[in-house]
Structure formats: C-alpha cells, structure tokens
Amino acid sequence: MLLIIPLLSPLILAIMILNKLLYPKYPVFYSHTRIGKGEKPFKLYKFRTMVDAEPYKKGAEELSKYSNIFHVSKDEHSKKITAFGAVLRKFYLDELPQLYNVLKGDMSLIGPRPVEEYHLNLWRQLHPELHNLLKARFIARPGVTGPWQIHNKKFDLTDREIIQKDIDYIEKSSLTNDLRLAGMTITRIFGGAGE
C-alpha cells in the first residue's frame, strides 16, 4: 500500500483537477455508507461520476424480477453519469479513493463487495433462506476488488451465487488467490471492462 499510493498519486491528482474543472458545481469526491466487517457501517469514497450521485433505487417487489439486486435499470442510472464519469467507470478509476479506506482499515485490496445497508436489507427481505450465508459473508473486510467484481457476466449471477462467491473467497483465502484476483482485475482495467 505504501508503494501503490505514491505511484498513483499523479493520476489521482489529475483526476481531481479535471473533475473540478469540468464540473465545478459538484464535489470531486462522493462518499456513502457501506456495510463492512462484522456488519459495521463505514464511509466508502469514490470519485464523483454522476451529477446526482444518489444511486437509483427500486423497491423490493420490482427488484425481485432481476437475477440479482445490483442489476438495476441501466437507462435510469446512465442518465446521471457524466461524460468524464463514464471514462472513470470504464477503467475503474472512480474506485481509486477507496485506497484511503484501505489505509483506514475499513477495507482490504481484495475481498467481498462492500454493500449498502439498503442492499443488505433487500437480501434479507427477498431471500430469508440466505440468513446463515450472509452471517458468514461479513466475517471479512470488504475489498476494493474481489470475486464478484471481476466476473465477466456479473449481472447474470443470482444473489445466492454472488454471496456464495464471496464466501468461497473467504474460505479459500490465500496470497496466491489474492494475486490471481489482482491480476484479473488489472486485465479488466486495461481492457476497459468497467460499467
């Protein structure tokens, strides 16, 4: 971590300056609450990519039609994404401020997806049978990247498959596996495979 941040600091500074020049009315950073290890809430940081950064949220009944709760309407979501924000998302650059979360100890570089309390409550509402799996999922710190994020067709996964992927990662946690996931993440970044 102590090597990564100095190496990336020129890029982080350039994104901060461009974001402020292009969208002076909006803050450079966006933060919102996520659920971390032991279901403890924390503030997660990103570069702002939307003119209205509040995520588009559907009700439980409507979300039950999707394979997983993250597969919301892309049309509604994309209306708010700025042109520069789309580039940041494409190359996962909007996630860089989460390195601060790693330094604070809220997150690790690799781990389960950090979910909102809203999403956690929906999982419990829509899938009460997953109660025990959810308890096991939150024994690890969430990651900047992880098994769900690097999946090629992540929106094709069901909620159960997403949770199970995270648990499999926790149970098989090793330096080798982390290096493999880090390598796959880098490949996706340079391939512009972000949202």
N, C-alpha and C. Protein backbone atom coordinates (compact mmCIF):
# COMPACT_ATOMS: atom_id res chain seq x y z
N MET A 1 0.82 -1.20 0.00
CA MET A 1 0.00 0.00 0.00
C MET A 1 0.86 1.25 0.00
N LEU A 2 1.95 1.23 0.79
CA LEU A 2 2.81 2.41 0.90
C LEU A 2 3.50 2.72 -0.42
N LEU A 3 3.62 1.72 -1.31
CA LEU A 3 4.21 1.93 -2.63
C LEU A 3 3.15 2.31 -3.65
N ILE A 4 1.97 1.74 -3.52
CA ILE A 4 0.90 1.95 -4.50
C ILE A 4 0.45 3.41 -4.54
N ILE A 5 0.21 4.00 -3.38
CA ILE A 5 -0.33 5.36 -3.33
C ILE A 5 0.62 6.39 -3.95
N PRO A 6 1.94 6.39 -3.61
CA PRO A 6 2.84 7.34 -4.28
C PRO A 6 2.87 7.16 -5.80
N LEU A 7 2.81 5.91 -6.25
CA LEU A 7 2.84 5.65 -7.69
C LEU A 7 1.59 6.19 -8.38
N LEU A 8 0.44 6.10 -7.70
CA LEU A 8 -0.82 6.52 -8.30
C LEU A 8 -1.18 7.97 -8.01
N SER A 9 -0.42 8.62 -7.12
CA SER A 9 -0.79 9.98 -6.72
C SER A 9 -0.85 10.99 -7.88
N PRO A 10 0.05 10.94 -8.90
CA PRO A 10 -0.11 11.88 -10.03
C PRO A 10 -1.43 11.67 -10.78
N LEU A 11 -1.83 10.41 -10.96
CA LEU A 11 -3.09 10.10 -11.63
C LEU A 11 -4.27 10.58 -10.79
N ILE A 12 -4.22 10.33 -9.49
CA ILE A 12 -5.30 10.75 -8.59
C ILE A 12 -5.44 12.27 -8.61
N LEU A 13 -4.31 12.99 -8.59
CA LEU A 13 -4.33 14.45 -8.62
C LEU A 13 -4.90 14.97 -9.94
N ALA A 14 -4.51 14.34 -11.05
CA ALA A 14 -5.00 14.75 -12.36
C ALA A 14 -6.52 14.57 -12.46
N ILE A 15 -7.03 13.45 -11.93
CA ILE A 15 -8.48 13.20 -11.96
C ILE A 15 -9.21 14.23 -11.10
N MET A 16 -8.65 14.56 -9.94
CA MET A 16 -9.25 15.57 -9.06
C MET A 16 -9.37 16.91 -9.78
N ILE A 17 -8.29 17.32 -10.44
CA ILE A 17 -8.27 18.62 -11.13
C ILE A 17 -9.27 18.64 -12.29
N LEU A 18 -9.25 17.58 -13.11
CA LEU A 18 -10.16 17.52 -14.26
C LEU A 18 -11.61 17.49 -13.82
N ASN A 19 -11.90 16.73 -12.79
CA ASN A 19 -13.27 16.63 -12.30
C ASN A 19 -13.78 17.99 -11.83
N LYS A 20 -12.92 18.74 -11.16
CA LYS A 20 -13.31 20.05 -10.64
C LYS A 20 -13.46 21.06 -11.77
N LEU A 21 -12.56 21.00 -12.76
CA LEU A 21 -12.64 21.92 -13.89
C LEU A 21 -13.89 21.66 -14.74
N LEU A 22 -14.21 20.39 -14.95
CA LEU A 22 -15.34 20.03 -15.79
C LEU A 22 -16.68 20.24 -15.10
N TYR A 23 -16.72 19.99 -13.79
CA TYR A 23 -17.98 20.06 -13.04
C TYR A 23 -17.77 20.85 -11.75
N PRO A 24 -17.50 22.17 -11.89
CA PRO A 24 -17.14 22.99 -10.72
C PRO A 24 -18.21 23.07 -9.64
N LYS A 25 -19.47 22.83 -10.01
CA LYS A 25 -20.56 22.94 -9.02
C LYS A 25 -20.64 21.74 -8.09
N TYR A 26 -19.93 20.66 -8.45
CA TYR A 26 -20.06 19.41 -7.68
C TYR A 26 -18.76 19.06 -6.97
N PRO A 27 -18.84 18.43 -5.81
CA PRO A 27 -17.62 17.98 -5.12
C PRO A 27 -16.89 16.93 -5.96
N VAL A 28 -15.59 16.88 -5.81
CA VAL A 28 -14.75 15.92 -6.55
C VAL A 28 -15.03 14.49 -6.07
N PHE A 29 -15.22 14.35 -4.77
CA PHE A 29 -15.41 13.02 -4.18
C PHE A 29 -16.86 12.79 -3.81
N TYR A 30 -17.22 11.54 -3.77
CA TYR A 30 -18.55 11.12 -3.32
C TYR A 30 -18.36 10.07 -2.25
N SER A 31 -19.08 10.20 -1.17
CA SER A 31 -18.99 9.18 -0.12
C SER A 31 -20.38 8.71 0.26
N HIS A 32 -20.48 7.46 0.59
CA HIS A 32 -21.75 6.93 1.10
C HIS A 32 -21.46 5.74 1.99
N THR A 33 -22.45 5.38 2.79
CA THR A 33 -22.24 4.36 3.81
C THR A 33 -22.35 2.96 3.22
N ARG A 34 -21.39 2.13 3.54
CA ARG A 34 -21.41 0.71 3.18
C ARG A 34 -21.29 -0.12 4.45
N ILE A 35 -21.58 -1.40 4.32
CA ILE A 35 -21.51 -2.32 5.45
C ILE A 35 -20.23 -3.14 5.34
N GLY A 36 -19.43 -3.11 6.39
CA GLY A 36 -18.14 -3.77 6.36
C GLY A 36 -18.08 -5.00 7.25
N LYS A 37 -16.88 -5.31 7.68
CA LYS A 37 -16.64 -6.49 8.51
C LYS A 37 -17.48 -6.42 9.78
N GLY A 38 -18.10 -7.56 10.12
CA GLY A 38 -18.94 -7.62 11.30
C GLY A 38 -20.20 -6.77 11.17
N GLU A 39 -20.57 -6.45 9.91
CA GLU A 39 -21.74 -5.62 9.60
C GLU A 39 -21.62 -4.22 10.20
N LYS A 40 -20.39 -3.76 10.35
CA LYS A 40 -20.15 -2.41 10.85
C LYS A 40 -20.17 -1.42 9.68
N PRO A 41 -20.98 -0.34 9.77
CA PRO A 41 -21.02 0.63 8.68
C PRO A 41 -19.77 1.49 8.61
N PHE A 42 -19.41 1.91 7.40
CA PHE A 42 -18.29 2.82 7.22
C PHE A 42 -18.55 3.67 5.98
N LYS A 43 -17.84 4.78 5.88
CA LYS A 43 -17.96 5.67 4.72
C LYS A 43 -17.01 5.22 3.62
N LEU A 44 -17.56 4.89 2.46
CA LEU A 44 -16.76 4.49 1.31
C LEU A 44 -16.59 5.70 0.38
N TYR A 45 -15.39 5.87 -0.17
CA TYR A 45 -15.10 7.04 -1.01
C TYR A 45 -14.87 6.65 -2.46
N LYS A 46 -15.38 7.50 -3.35
CA LYS A 46 -15.19 7.33 -4.79
C LYS A 46 -15.03 8.71 -5.42
N PHE A 47 -14.49 8.72 -6.65
CA PHE A 47 -14.57 9.95 -7.42
C PHE A 47 -16.01 10.10 -7.91
N ARG A 48 -16.51 11.32 -7.86
CA ARG A 48 -17.88 11.57 -8.32
C ARG A 48 -17.95 11.33 -9.82
N THR A 49 -18.92 10.54 -10.24
CA THR A 49 -19.12 10.25 -11.67
C THR A 49 -20.52 10.61 -12.14
N MET A 50 -21.35 11.08 -11.21
CA MET A 50 -22.73 11.39 -11.55
C MET A 50 -23.07 12.82 -11.10
N VAL A 51 -23.96 13.48 -11.84
CA VAL A 51 -24.37 14.82 -11.44
C VAL A 51 -25.30 14.76 -10.24
N ASP A 52 -25.99 13.64 -10.09
CA ASP A 52 -26.76 13.37 -8.89
C ASP A 52 -26.30 12.01 -8.41
N ALA A 53 -25.43 12.00 -7.42
CA ALA A 53 -24.70 10.77 -7.08
C ALA A 53 -25.50 9.76 -6.29
N GLU A 54 -26.72 10.08 -5.89
CA GLU A 54 -27.50 9.08 -5.17
C GLU A 54 -27.88 7.96 -6.13
N PRO A 55 -27.60 6.71 -5.81
CA PRO A 55 -27.92 5.60 -6.70
C PRO A 55 -29.42 5.49 -6.94
N TYR A 56 -29.76 5.06 -8.13
CA TYR A 56 -31.17 4.82 -8.45
C TYR A 56 -31.62 3.55 -7.73
N LYS A 57 -32.70 3.65 -6.96
CA LYS A 57 -33.13 2.51 -6.15
C LYS A 57 -34.55 2.09 -6.48
N LYS A 58 -34.72 0.81 -6.67
CA LYS A 58 -36.05 0.25 -6.89
C LYS A 58 -36.54 -0.42 -5.61
N GLY A 59 -37.83 -0.63 -5.53
CA GLY A 59 -38.39 -1.34 -4.39
C GLY A 59 -38.11 -2.83 -4.47
N ALA A 60 -38.32 -3.51 -3.36
CA ALA A 60 -38.04 -4.95 -3.28
C ALA A 60 -38.87 -5.73 -4.30
N GLU A 61 -40.13 -5.35 -4.47
CA GLU A 61 -41.01 -6.08 -5.38
C GLU A 61 -40.48 -6.01 -6.81
N GLU A 62 -40.05 -4.81 -7.24
CA GLU A 62 -39.54 -4.66 -8.59
C GLU A 62 -38.17 -5.33 -8.74
N LEU A 63 -37.34 -5.23 -7.71
CA LEU A 63 -36.02 -5.85 -7.79
C LEU A 63 -36.08 -7.36 -7.83
N SER A 64 -37.16 -7.93 -7.32
CA SER A 64 -37.30 -9.38 -7.31
C SER A 64 -37.39 -9.95 -8.72
N LYS A 65 -37.61 -9.09 -9.72
CA LYS A 65 -37.69 -9.54 -11.11
C LYS A 65 -36.29 -9.76 -11.70
N TYR A 66 -35.27 -9.21 -11.05
CA TYR A 66 -33.91 -9.30 -11.58
C TYR A 66 -33.17 -10.50 -11.01
N SER A 67 -32.10 -10.89 -11.71
CA SER A 67 -31.30 -12.02 -11.24
C SER A 67 -30.62 -11.69 -9.93
N ASN A 68 -30.20 -10.42 -9.78
CA ASN A 68 -29.61 -10.01 -8.51
C ASN A 68 -29.95 -8.55 -8.24
N ILE A 69 -29.81 -8.13 -6.99
CA ILE A 69 -30.27 -6.81 -6.58
C ILE A 69 -29.44 -5.66 -7.13
N PHE A 70 -28.27 -5.97 -7.73
CA PHE A 70 -27.45 -4.91 -8.30
C PHE A 70 -27.80 -4.64 -9.76
N HIS A 71 -28.63 -5.47 -10.34
CA HIS A 71 -28.96 -5.38 -11.75
C HIS A 71 -30.15 -4.43 -11.93
N VAL A 72 -29.93 -3.16 -11.62
CA VAL A 72 -31.00 -2.17 -11.73
C VAL A 72 -31.03 -1.62 -13.15
N SER A 73 -32.04 -0.81 -13.44
CA SER A 73 -32.21 -0.24 -14.77
C SER A 73 -31.00 0.60 -15.16
N LYS A 74 -30.29 0.17 -16.20
CA LYS A 74 -29.12 0.91 -16.66
C LYS A 74 -29.55 2.23 -17.31
N ASP A 75 -30.75 2.27 -17.90
CA ASP A 75 -31.22 3.50 -18.53
C ASP A 75 -31.35 4.62 -17.51
N GLU A 76 -31.99 4.34 -16.37
CA GLU A 76 -32.17 5.35 -15.33
C GLU A 76 -30.83 5.76 -14.75
N HIS A 77 -29.96 4.78 -14.56
CA HIS A 77 -28.66 5.04 -13.94
C HIS A 77 -27.78 5.90 -14.86
N SER A 78 -27.75 5.54 -16.16
CA SER A 78 -26.83 6.18 -17.09
C SER A 78 -27.21 7.63 -17.38
N LYS A 79 -28.47 8.01 -17.16
CA LYS A 79 -28.88 9.39 -17.41
C LYS A 79 -28.10 10.38 -16.54
N LYS A 80 -27.64 9.93 -15.39
CA LYS A 80 -27.00 10.83 -14.44
C LYS A 80 -25.47 10.80 -14.52
N ILE A 81 -24.91 9.86 -15.27
CA ILE A 81 -23.45 9.72 -15.34
C ILE A 81 -22.87 10.77 -16.28
N THR A 82 -21.84 11.49 -15.82
CA THR A 82 -21.19 12.49 -16.65
C THR A 82 -20.31 11.81 -17.70
N ALA A 83 -19.93 12.57 -18.73
CA ALA A 83 -19.07 12.01 -19.78
C ALA A 83 -17.72 11.59 -19.21
N PHE A 84 -17.15 12.45 -18.36
CA PHE A 84 -15.87 12.11 -17.73
C PHE A 84 -16.06 10.96 -16.75
N GLY A 85 -17.20 10.95 -16.07
CA GLY A 85 -17.51 9.86 -15.14
C GLY A 85 -17.59 8.52 -15.84
N ALA A 86 -18.11 8.51 -17.07
CA ALA A 86 -18.21 7.26 -17.83
C ALA A 86 -16.82 6.70 -18.12
N VAL A 87 -15.87 7.59 -18.41
CA VAL A 87 -14.49 7.15 -18.67
C VAL A 87 -13.88 6.59 -17.38
N LEU A 88 -14.10 7.29 -16.26
CA LEU A 88 -13.57 6.81 -14.98
C LEU A 88 -14.11 5.43 -14.65
N ARG A 89 -15.41 5.24 -14.88
CA ARG A 89 -16.03 3.95 -14.58
C ARG A 89 -15.52 2.85 -15.50
N LYS A 90 -15.34 3.19 -16.77
CA LYS A 90 -14.90 2.20 -17.76
C LYS A 90 -13.57 1.56 -17.35
N PHE A 91 -12.68 2.39 -16.76
CA PHE A 91 -11.35 1.89 -16.36
C PHE A 91 -11.21 1.76 -14.84
N TYR A 92 -12.34 1.75 -14.14
CA TYR A 92 -12.38 1.56 -12.68
C TYR A 92 -11.61 2.65 -11.92
N LEU A 93 -11.38 3.78 -12.55
CA LEU A 93 -10.62 4.84 -11.90
C LEU A 93 -11.42 5.55 -10.81
N ASP A 94 -12.74 5.45 -10.88
CA ASP A 94 -13.57 6.07 -9.84
C ASP A 94 -13.37 5.40 -8.49
N GLU A 95 -12.79 4.19 -8.49
CA GLU A 95 -12.59 3.43 -7.26
C GLU A 95 -11.29 3.81 -6.52
N LEU A 96 -10.43 4.60 -7.15
CA LEU A 96 -9.12 4.89 -6.55
C LEU A 96 -9.19 5.49 -5.14
N PRO A 97 -10.15 6.37 -4.83
CA PRO A 97 -10.20 6.91 -3.46
C PRO A 97 -10.43 5.85 -2.38
N GLN A 98 -10.82 4.64 -2.79
CA GLN A 98 -11.01 3.58 -1.79
C GLN A 98 -9.68 3.12 -1.19
N LEU A 99 -8.57 3.53 -1.81
CA LEU A 99 -7.27 3.25 -1.20
C LEU A 99 -7.18 3.91 0.17
N TYR A 100 -7.88 5.05 0.32
CA TYR A 100 -7.94 5.71 1.64
C TYR A 100 -8.69 4.82 2.63
N ASN A 101 -9.77 4.16 2.15
CA ASN A 101 -10.49 3.22 3.01
C ASN A 101 -9.60 2.06 3.45
N VAL A 102 -8.71 1.64 2.53
CA VAL A 102 -7.78 0.55 2.86
C VAL A 102 -6.80 1.02 3.94
N LEU A 103 -6.29 2.24 3.79
CA LEU A 103 -5.37 2.78 4.78
C LEU A 103 -6.04 2.92 6.15
N LYS A 104 -7.32 3.29 6.14
CA LYS A 104 -8.07 3.45 7.40
C LYS A 104 -8.38 2.11 8.05
N GLY A 105 -8.31 1.02 7.28
CA GLY A 105 -8.62 -0.30 7.82
C GLY A 105 -10.07 -0.71 7.62
N ASP A 106 -10.85 0.10 6.90
CA ASP A 106 -12.24 -0.25 6.62
C ASP A 106 -12.33 -1.35 5.57
N MET A 107 -11.36 -1.35 4.65
CA MET A 107 -11.38 -2.27 3.52
C MET A 107 -10.01 -2.90 3.34
N SER A 108 -9.98 -3.95 2.51
CA SER A 108 -8.72 -4.53 2.06
C SER A 108 -8.68 -4.37 0.54
N LEU A 109 -7.53 -4.65 -0.07
CA LEU A 109 -7.45 -4.53 -1.53
C LEU A 109 -8.34 -5.57 -2.21
N ILE A 110 -8.36 -6.79 -1.66
CA ILE A 110 -9.17 -7.88 -2.22
C ILE A 110 -10.15 -8.35 -1.15
N GLY A 111 -11.40 -8.59 -1.55
CA GLY A 111 -12.38 -9.07 -0.58
C GLY A 111 -13.79 -9.03 -1.14
N PRO A 112 -14.78 -9.36 -0.32
CA PRO A 112 -16.17 -9.32 -0.77
C PRO A 112 -16.60 -7.90 -1.15
N ARG A 113 -17.59 -7.80 -1.98
CA ARG A 113 -18.12 -6.50 -2.39
C ARG A 113 -18.66 -5.76 -1.18
N PRO A 114 -18.31 -4.46 -1.01
CA PRO A 114 -18.90 -3.68 0.09
C PRO A 114 -20.31 -3.22 -0.28
N VAL A 115 -21.31 -3.73 0.41
CA VAL A 115 -22.69 -3.44 0.04
C VAL A 115 -23.29 -2.33 0.91
N GLU A 116 -24.31 -1.68 0.37
CA GLU A 116 -25.07 -0.70 1.14
C GLU A 116 -25.99 -1.43 2.12
N GLU A 117 -26.36 -0.74 3.19
CA GLU A 117 -27.32 -1.30 4.13
C GLU A 117 -28.64 -1.59 3.42
N TYR A 118 -28.98 -0.73 2.45
CA TYR A 118 -30.17 -0.91 1.62
C TYR A 118 -30.15 -2.27 0.92
N HIS A 119 -28.99 -2.61 0.33
CA HIS A 119 -28.87 -3.89 -0.36
C HIS A 119 -28.92 -5.06 0.61
N LEU A 120 -28.27 -4.91 1.75
CA LEU A 120 -28.28 -5.97 2.75
C LEU A 120 -29.71 -6.24 3.23
N ASN A 121 -30.46 -5.18 3.48
CA ASN A 121 -31.84 -5.34 3.92
C ASN A 121 -32.70 -5.99 2.84
N LEU A 122 -32.42 -5.67 1.58
CA LEU A 122 -33.16 -6.30 0.47
C LEU A 122 -32.84 -7.78 0.38
N TRP A 123 -31.56 -8.12 0.55
CA TRP A 123 -31.20 -9.54 0.55
C TRP A 123 -31.99 -10.29 1.62
N ARG A 124 -32.06 -9.70 2.80
CA ARG A 124 -32.77 -10.35 3.89
C ARG A 124 -34.27 -10.43 3.62
N GLN A 125 -34.79 -9.40 2.97
CA GLN A 125 -36.23 -9.37 2.68
C GLN A 125 -36.60 -10.34 1.57
N LEU A 126 -35.76 -10.37 0.52
CA LEU A 126 -36.07 -11.19 -0.65
C LEU A 126 -35.64 -12.64 -0.49
N HIS A 127 -34.60 -12.86 0.34
CA HIS A 127 -34.01 -14.20 0.46
C HIS A 127 -33.78 -14.57 1.92
N PRO A 128 -34.82 -14.75 2.71
CA PRO A 128 -34.62 -15.10 4.13
C PRO A 128 -33.85 -16.41 4.32
N GLU A 129 -33.88 -17.27 3.29
CA GLU A 129 -33.17 -18.55 3.39
C GLU A 129 -31.64 -18.37 3.36
N LEU A 130 -31.18 -17.15 3.02
CA LEU A 130 -29.74 -16.89 2.94
C LEU A 130 -29.17 -16.32 4.24
N HIS A 131 -29.96 -16.34 5.30
CA HIS A 131 -29.56 -15.70 6.56
C HIS A 131 -28.19 -16.19 7.05
N ASN A 132 -27.99 -17.49 7.10
CA ASN A 132 -26.72 -18.04 7.60
C ASN A 132 -25.55 -17.72 6.68
N LEU A 133 -25.82 -17.73 5.36
CA LEU A 133 -24.76 -17.39 4.41
C LEU A 133 -24.34 -15.94 4.58
N LEU A 134 -25.31 -15.06 4.82
CA LEU A 134 -25.00 -13.65 4.99
C LEU A 134 -24.14 -13.41 6.24
N LYS A 135 -24.43 -14.15 7.30
CA LYS A 135 -23.63 -14.01 8.53
C LYS A 135 -22.18 -14.37 8.25
N ALA A 136 -21.97 -15.44 7.48
CA ALA A 136 -20.61 -15.89 7.16
C ALA A 136 -19.90 -14.89 6.24
N ARG A 137 -20.66 -14.21 5.40
CA ARG A 137 -20.08 -13.29 4.42
C ARG A 137 -19.40 -12.09 5.08
N PHE A 138 -19.90 -11.67 6.25
CA PHE A 138 -19.40 -10.44 6.85
C PHE A 138 -18.33 -10.68 7.92
N ILE A 139 -17.64 -11.81 7.82
CA ILE A 139 -16.54 -12.03 8.77
C ILE A 139 -15.22 -11.48 8.22
N ALA A 140 -15.26 -11.01 6.96
CA ALA A 140 -14.04 -10.46 6.34
C ALA A 140 -14.27 -9.00 5.96
N ARG A 141 -13.17 -8.27 5.85
CA ARG A 141 -13.27 -6.90 5.39
C ARG A 141 -13.61 -6.88 3.90
N PRO A 142 -14.44 -5.95 3.45
CA PRO A 142 -14.74 -5.85 2.02
C PRO A 142 -13.52 -5.38 1.24
N GLY A 143 -13.52 -5.67 -0.05
CA GLY A 143 -12.36 -5.34 -0.87
C GLY A 143 -12.64 -4.31 -1.94
N VAL A 144 -11.59 -3.61 -2.37
CA VAL A 144 -11.70 -2.70 -3.50
C VAL A 144 -12.07 -3.50 -4.75
N THR A 145 -11.52 -4.69 -4.84
CA THR A 145 -11.93 -5.62 -5.90
C THR A 145 -12.10 -7.00 -5.26
N GLY A 146 -12.73 -7.90 -6.01
CA GLY A 146 -12.99 -9.22 -5.44
C GLY A 146 -13.61 -10.16 -6.46
N PRO A 147 -14.05 -11.31 -6.01
CA PRO A 147 -14.54 -12.35 -6.92
C PRO A 147 -15.76 -11.95 -7.74
N TRP A 148 -16.63 -11.12 -7.17
CA TRP A 148 -17.83 -10.71 -7.93
C TRP A 148 -17.48 -9.65 -8.97
N GLN A 149 -16.63 -8.70 -8.58
CA GLN A 149 -16.31 -7.58 -9.47
C GLN A 149 -15.61 -8.01 -10.75
N ILE A 150 -14.80 -9.08 -10.67
CA ILE A 150 -14.03 -9.47 -11.87
C ILE A 150 -14.75 -10.54 -12.70
N HIS A 151 -15.94 -10.95 -12.27
CA HIS A 151 -16.70 -11.94 -13.03
C HIS A 151 -17.14 -11.33 -14.36
N ASN A 152 -16.93 -12.05 -15.47
CA ASN A 152 -17.20 -11.50 -16.80
C ASN A 152 -18.66 -11.11 -17.01
N LYS A 153 -19.57 -11.89 -16.45
CA LYS A 153 -21.00 -11.60 -16.61
C LYS A 153 -21.64 -11.52 -15.24
N LYS A 154 -21.19 -10.52 -14.47
CA LYS A 154 -21.59 -10.45 -13.07
C LYS A 154 -23.08 -10.22 -12.87
N PHE A 155 -23.73 -9.59 -13.85
CA PHE A 155 -25.16 -9.34 -13.69
C PHE A 155 -26.00 -10.57 -14.04
N ASP A 156 -25.35 -11.61 -14.55
CA ASP A 156 -26.05 -12.87 -14.81
C ASP A 156 -26.11 -13.75 -13.57
N LEU A 157 -25.31 -13.41 -12.57
CA LEU A 157 -25.29 -14.19 -11.33
C LEU A 157 -26.55 -13.91 -10.51
N THR A 158 -27.00 -14.91 -9.77
CA THR A 158 -28.09 -14.69 -8.83
C THR A 158 -27.53 -14.14 -7.52
N ASP A 159 -28.41 -13.62 -6.66
CA ASP A 159 -27.95 -13.13 -5.36
C ASP A 159 -27.23 -14.23 -4.58
N ARG A 160 -27.78 -15.44 -4.63
CA ARG A 160 -27.14 -16.56 -3.92
C ARG A 160 -25.74 -16.82 -4.46
N GLU A 161 -25.58 -16.76 -5.78
CA GLU A 161 -24.27 -17.01 -6.39
C GLU A 161 -23.26 -15.93 -6.01
N ILE A 162 -23.72 -14.67 -5.93
CA ILE A 162 -22.84 -13.57 -5.52
C ILE A 162 -22.34 -13.81 -4.10
N ILE A 163 -23.27 -14.09 -3.19
CA ILE A 163 -22.92 -14.32 -1.79
C ILE A 163 -22.01 -15.54 -1.66
N GLN A 164 -22.32 -16.61 -2.41
CA GLN A 164 -21.52 -17.83 -2.33
C GLN A 164 -20.10 -17.58 -2.84
N LYS A 165 -19.95 -16.77 -3.91
CA LYS A 165 -18.62 -16.43 -4.41
C LYS A 165 -17.78 -15.75 -3.33
N ASP A 166 -18.43 -14.83 -2.61
CA ASP A 166 -17.71 -14.12 -1.54
C ASP A 166 -17.31 -15.09 -0.42
N ILE A 167 -18.20 -16.00 -0.07
CA ILE A 167 -17.89 -16.96 0.99
C ILE A 167 -16.79 -17.91 0.55
N ASP A 168 -16.85 -18.37 -0.70
CA ASP A 168 -15.79 -19.23 -1.22
C ASP A 168 -14.44 -18.52 -1.15
N TYR A 169 -14.45 -17.21 -1.46
CA TYR A 169 -13.20 -16.44 -1.38
C TYR A 169 -12.69 -16.42 0.06
N ILE A 170 -13.58 -16.16 1.01
CA ILE A 170 -13.19 -16.08 2.43
C ILE A 170 -12.63 -17.42 2.90
N GLU A 171 -13.30 -18.51 2.54
CA GLU A 171 -12.89 -19.84 3.00
C GLU A 171 -11.58 -20.29 2.37
N LYS A 172 -11.30 -19.83 1.14
CA LYS A 172 -10.09 -20.26 0.44
C LYS A 172 -9.05 -19.14 0.37
N SER A 173 -9.18 -18.17 1.29
CA SER A 173 -8.30 -17.01 1.28
C SER A 173 -6.83 -17.41 1.34
N SER A 174 -6.05 -16.86 0.39
CA SER A 174 -4.61 -17.15 0.36
C SER A 174 -3.94 -16.06 -0.47
N LEU A 175 -2.65 -15.91 -0.29
CA LEU A 175 -1.89 -14.93 -1.06
C LEU A 175 -1.95 -15.26 -2.56
N THR A 176 -1.89 -16.55 -2.88
CA THR A 176 -1.95 -16.98 -4.28
C THR A 176 -3.27 -16.56 -4.92
N ASN A 177 -4.37 -16.79 -4.20
CA ASN A 177 -5.68 -16.43 -4.73
C ASN A 177 -5.81 -14.92 -4.87
N ASP A 178 -5.29 -14.17 -3.89
CA ASP A 178 -5.34 -12.70 -3.96
C ASP A 178 -4.54 -12.18 -5.16
N LEU A 179 -3.39 -12.78 -5.41
CA LEU A 179 -2.58 -12.36 -6.56
C LEU A 179 -3.29 -12.68 -7.87
N ARG A 180 -3.98 -13.82 -7.89
CA ARG A 180 -4.75 -14.20 -9.09
C ARG A 180 -5.86 -13.19 -9.35
N LEU A 181 -6.62 -12.83 -8.31
CA LEU A 181 -7.70 -11.86 -8.45
C LEU A 181 -7.18 -10.47 -8.82
N ALA A 182 -6.03 -10.10 -8.24
CA ALA A 182 -5.42 -8.82 -8.56
C ALA A 182 -5.02 -8.77 -10.03
N GLY A 183 -4.44 -9.88 -10.53
CA GLY A 183 -4.07 -9.96 -11.94
C GLY A 183 -5.27 -9.87 -12.86
N MET A 184 -6.36 -10.54 -12.50
CA MET A 184 -7.58 -10.50 -13.30
C MET A 184 -8.18 -9.09 -13.29
N THR A 185 -8.07 -8.41 -12.15
CA THR A 185 -8.57 -7.04 -12.05
C THR A 185 -7.79 -6.12 -12.97
N ILE A 186 -6.45 -6.25 -12.96
CA ILE A 186 -5.61 -5.41 -13.82
C ILE A 186 -5.94 -5.64 -15.29
N THR A 187 -6.17 -6.90 -15.65
CA THR A 187 -6.54 -7.22 -17.02
C THR A 187 -7.84 -6.54 -17.41
N ARG A 188 -8.82 -6.54 -16.51
CA ARG A 188 -10.12 -5.89 -16.77
C ARG A 188 -9.96 -4.38 -16.85
N ILE A 189 -9.10 -3.81 -16.01
CA ILE A 189 -8.88 -2.35 -16.04
C ILE A 189 -8.33 -1.93 -17.39
N PHE A 190 -7.27 -2.61 -17.85
CA PHE A 190 -6.65 -2.23 -19.13
C PHE A 190 -7.56 -2.60 -20.31
N GLY A 191 -8.49 -3.52 -20.10
CA GLY A 191 -9.43 -3.85 -21.15
C GLY A 191 -10.64 -2.94 -21.16
N GLY A 192 -10.72 -2.01 -20.20
CA GLY A 192 -11.84 -1.09 -20.14
C GLY A 192 -13.16 -1.80 -19.92
N ALA A 193 -13.14 -2.76 -18.99
CA ALA A 193 -14.33 -3.61 -18.79
C ALA A 193 -15.25 -3.12 -17.68
N GLY A 194 -15.06 -1.89 -17.21
CA GLY A 194 -15.92 -1.35 -16.16
C GLY A 194 -17.31 -1.06 -16.65
N GLU A 195 -18.18 -0.62 -15.71
CA GLU A 195 -19.58 -0.34 -16.05
C GLU A 195 -19.68 0.87 -16.97
